[in-house]
Amino acid sequence: MRLPASVRNSRRLLLGLLAGLALAGGLAAYALHGSPATAAGAAERSLPRGVHFQDGQGKALSPEDFRGRVVLLNVWATWCVPCRKEMPALDRLQKQLGGPAFEVVAVSIDQDANLVREFYLKYGIRSLALYIDPTTSITSTLGTVGIPTTLLVDQAGREVWRKVGPAEWDAPASVAEIRKHLPAGAKP
């Protein structure tokens, strides 16, 4: 028995949606050591050109502005529930490891820096600098499949690994993994 075209199309749409959700869920389940970037040897891959964002005063920035430092580049939004949960941990990580050798660069894809300022006040974020990409182009340029997405970028601007989904960034295992990539003598 042949199903009507509308039912066949609905089934295809549903199967495609389920496959997409399974892929996103699988990517989000990767641990730091098992991330696609690590498995693919991402330390050989520089970040793509065209990654741009702004600081809280509207000054244009790119990862090039952080060369010489290890950067934990986090793409997030104030409306993203998992992002809200992980931002305090990123703030604590910046307070713990931040300095001349390391910085957490949390780039919000919200369109208004004031929303991010209000979020920082509401959630007690004090150690992170304010960065936004109101165009949201960072997501397509970096090839993110969802937010939050976090990349560890080495001193030469190369992606070391990436994590899709929230994490406890100040947990001992996460801090130890990040410290492996810091230069000798960096802030303990």
Protein backbone atom coordinates (compact mmCIF):
# COMPACT_ATOMS: atom_id res chain seq x y z
CA MET A 1 0.00 0.00 0.00
CA ARG A 2 1.43 3.34 -1.05
CA LEU A 3 1.12 6.17 1.47
CA PRO A 4 -0.08 9.62 0.34
CA ALA A 5 2.69 12.09 -0.55
CA SER A 6 1.95 14.33 2.45
CA VAL A 7 2.44 11.40 4.85
CA ARG A 8 5.65 10.30 3.07
CA ASN A 9 7.03 13.87 3.25
CA SER A 10 6.08 14.18 6.92
CA ARG A 11 7.83 10.89 7.64
CA ARG A 12 10.97 12.05 5.81
CA LEU A 13 10.93 15.32 7.70
CA LEU A 14 10.53 13.51 11.02
CA LEU A 15 13.32 11.03 10.20
CA GLY A 16 15.61 13.89 9.15
CA LEU A 17 14.84 15.77 12.34
CA LEU A 18 15.51 12.69 14.47
CA ALA A 19 18.80 12.04 12.66
CA GLY A 20 19.84 15.67 13.25
CA LEU A 21 18.97 15.45 16.93
CA ALA A 22 20.90 12.20 17.27
CA LEU A 23 23.94 13.78 15.65
CA ALA A 24 23.74 16.85 17.88
CA GLY A 25 23.28 14.68 20.95
CA GLY A 26 26.23 12.52 19.97
CA LEU A 27 28.44 15.53 19.46
CA ALA A 28 27.36 17.01 22.78
CA ALA A 29 28.26 13.76 24.53
CA TYR A 30 31.92 13.90 23.52
CA ALA A 31 34.28 14.42 26.43
CA LEU A 32 37.32 16.67 26.12
CA HIS A 33 39.61 13.79 25.16
CA GLY A 34 37.15 12.31 22.69
CA SER A 35 36.13 15.47 20.90
CA PRO A 36 36.17 15.48 17.11
CA ALA A 37 38.89 18.14 17.12
CA THR A 38 41.22 16.03 19.25
CA ALA A 39 40.62 12.91 17.22
CA ALA A 40 41.24 14.81 13.99
CA GLY A 41 44.50 16.36 15.16
CA ALA A 42 43.12 19.86 15.50
CA ALA A 43 46.45 21.17 16.82
CA GLU A 44 47.46 21.24 13.17
CA ARG A 45 44.47 23.38 12.20
CA SER A 46 44.39 27.15 12.57
CA LEU A 47 41.11 28.84 13.31
CA PRO A 48 39.33 29.93 10.13
CA ARG A 49 39.78 33.51 8.97
CA GLY A 50 36.81 35.77 9.49
CA VAL A 51 36.15 35.04 13.17
CA HIS A 52 35.16 38.47 14.49
CA PHE A 53 33.46 39.80 17.58
CA GLN A 54 33.41 42.96 19.73
CA ASP A 55 34.34 43.91 23.25
CA GLY A 56 31.89 45.66 25.55
CA GLN A 57 32.75 49.06 24.05
CA GLY A 58 32.15 47.92 20.46
CA LYS A 59 35.83 47.54 19.51
CA ALA A 60 36.28 44.92 16.76
CA LEU A 61 38.35 41.90 17.79
CA SER A 62 39.41 38.53 16.45
CA PRO A 63 41.35 35.57 17.85
CA GLU A 64 44.47 37.21 16.37
CA ASP A 65 44.22 39.79 19.15
CA PHE A 66 44.89 37.00 21.67
CA ARG A 67 47.95 35.47 19.97
CA GLY A 68 50.59 34.41 22.45
CA ARG A 69 47.95 33.29 24.98
CA VAL A 70 46.06 30.04 25.34
CA VAL A 71 42.37 30.89 24.93
CA LEU A 72 39.26 29.02 25.94
CA LEU A 73 36.88 30.43 23.31
CA ASN A 74 33.27 29.91 24.37
CA VAL A 75 30.28 30.74 22.13
CA TRP A 76 27.10 31.28 24.16
CA ALA A 77 23.91 33.35 24.58
CA THR A 78 21.99 34.78 27.52
CA TRP A 79 18.81 32.93 26.45
CA CYS A 80 20.56 29.53 26.31
CA VAL A 81 19.74 27.54 29.47
CA PRO A 82 22.87 25.30 29.37
CA CYS A 83 24.98 28.42 28.77
CA ARG A 84 23.50 30.07 31.86
CA LYS A 85 24.49 27.04 33.92
CA GLU A 86 28.11 26.98 32.74
CA MET A 87 28.92 30.71 32.80
CA PRO A 88 29.68 30.83 36.55
CA ALA A 89 32.16 27.95 36.08
CA LEU A 90 33.85 29.83 33.21
CA ASP A 91 34.03 32.90 35.45
CA ARG A 92 35.67 30.88 38.22
CA LEU A 93 38.11 29.34 35.70
CA GLN A 94 39.11 32.82 34.49
CA LYS A 95 39.64 33.92 38.09
CA GLN A 96 41.74 30.82 38.79
CA LEU A 97 43.89 30.62 35.62
CA GLY A 98 43.43 33.96 33.86
CA GLY A 99 46.47 36.10 33.23
CA PRO A 100 49.07 36.86 30.56
CA ALA A 101 49.24 33.19 29.43
CA PHE A 102 45.53 32.28 29.49
CA GLU A 103 42.12 33.88 28.99
CA VAL A 104 38.55 32.69 28.82
CA VAL A 105 36.98 34.54 25.87
CA ALA A 106 33.23 34.01 26.20
CA VAL A 107 31.55 35.47 23.11
CA SER A 108 27.81 36.00 23.40
CA ILE A 109 25.75 35.89 20.21
CA ASP A 110 23.21 38.26 21.73
CA GLN A 111 22.66 41.41 19.70
CA ASP A 112 22.88 43.85 22.59
CA ALA A 113 25.85 44.21 24.95
CA ASN A 114 23.48 45.58 27.61
CA LEU A 115 21.73 42.18 27.78
CA VAL A 116 25.09 40.58 28.52
CA ARG A 117 25.93 43.25 31.12
CA GLU A 118 22.61 42.57 32.86
CA PHE A 119 23.29 38.83 32.70
CA TYR A 120 26.75 39.31 34.24
CA LEU A 121 25.21 41.33 37.09
CA LYS A 122 22.38 38.85 37.68
CA TYR A 123 24.70 35.80 37.75
CA GLY A 124 27.62 37.46 39.55
CA ILE A 125 30.05 37.19 36.62
CA ARG A 126 33.03 39.35 37.61
CA SER A 127 36.18 37.87 36.07
CA LEU A 128 35.11 37.51 32.43
CA ALA A 129 35.48 40.35 29.95
CA LEU A 130 32.38 41.15 27.90
CA TYR A 131 32.50 40.02 24.27
CA ILE A 132 29.60 39.82 21.80
CA ASP A 133 28.98 38.92 18.17
CA PRO A 134 25.68 40.61 17.32
CA THR A 135 25.85 39.20 13.77
CA THR A 136 26.14 35.60 15.08
CA SER A 137 28.60 34.95 12.23
CA ILE A 138 31.01 33.32 14.69
CA THR A 139 28.76 30.25 14.79
CA SER A 140 28.93 29.59 11.06
CA THR A 141 32.58 30.61 10.71
CA LEU A 142 33.61 28.17 13.45
CA GLY A 143 31.16 25.51 12.25
CA THR A 144 29.41 25.16 15.58
CA VAL A 145 26.48 22.74 15.75
CA GLY A 146 24.96 24.33 18.83
CA ILE A 147 25.66 26.46 21.85
CA PRO A 148 27.46 26.45 24.07
CA THR A 149 30.47 25.41 22.02
CA THR A 150 33.93 25.83 23.51
CA LEU A 151 37.30 25.62 21.77
CA LEU A 152 40.74 25.50 23.33
CA VAL A 153 43.03 27.61 21.14
CA ASP A 154 46.80 27.41 21.59
CA GLN A 155 49.28 30.31 21.63
CA ALA A 156 49.69 30.14 17.85
CA GLY A 157 45.95 30.42 17.18
CA ARG A 158 45.34 26.72 16.44
CA GLU A 159 42.34 24.79 17.68
CA VAL A 160 43.50 22.08 20.09
CA TRP A 161 40.05 20.63 20.89
CA ARG A 162 36.40 21.58 21.10
CA LYS A 163 33.50 20.67 23.33
CA VAL A 164 29.85 20.98 22.36
CA GLY A 165 27.54 21.43 25.31
CA PRO A 166 28.00 22.73 28.84
CA ALA A 167 30.81 21.70 31.17
CA GLU A 168 32.05 22.33 34.68
CA TRP A 169 35.09 24.26 33.47
CA ASP A 170 36.48 24.82 36.95
CA ALA A 171 36.30 21.11 37.91
CA PRO A 172 39.72 19.62 38.68
CA ALA A 173 39.74 17.41 35.54
CA SER A 174 38.91 20.35 33.25
CA VAL A 175 41.50 22.61 34.89
CA ALA A 176 44.14 19.86 34.60
CA GLU A 177 43.34 19.36 30.89
CA ILE A 178 43.68 23.09 30.22
CA ARG A 179 46.91 23.36 32.25
CA LYS A 180 48.52 20.74 29.99
CA HIS A 181 48.45 23.34 27.23
CA LEU A 182 49.72 26.32 29.21
CA PRO A 183 53.36 27.34 28.92
CA ALA A 184 55.73 26.35 31.73
CA GLY A 185 55.62 28.83 34.59
CA ALA A 186 52.11 30.09 33.78
CA LYS A 187 49.83 31.11 36.66
CA PRO A 188 49.21 28.06 38.87
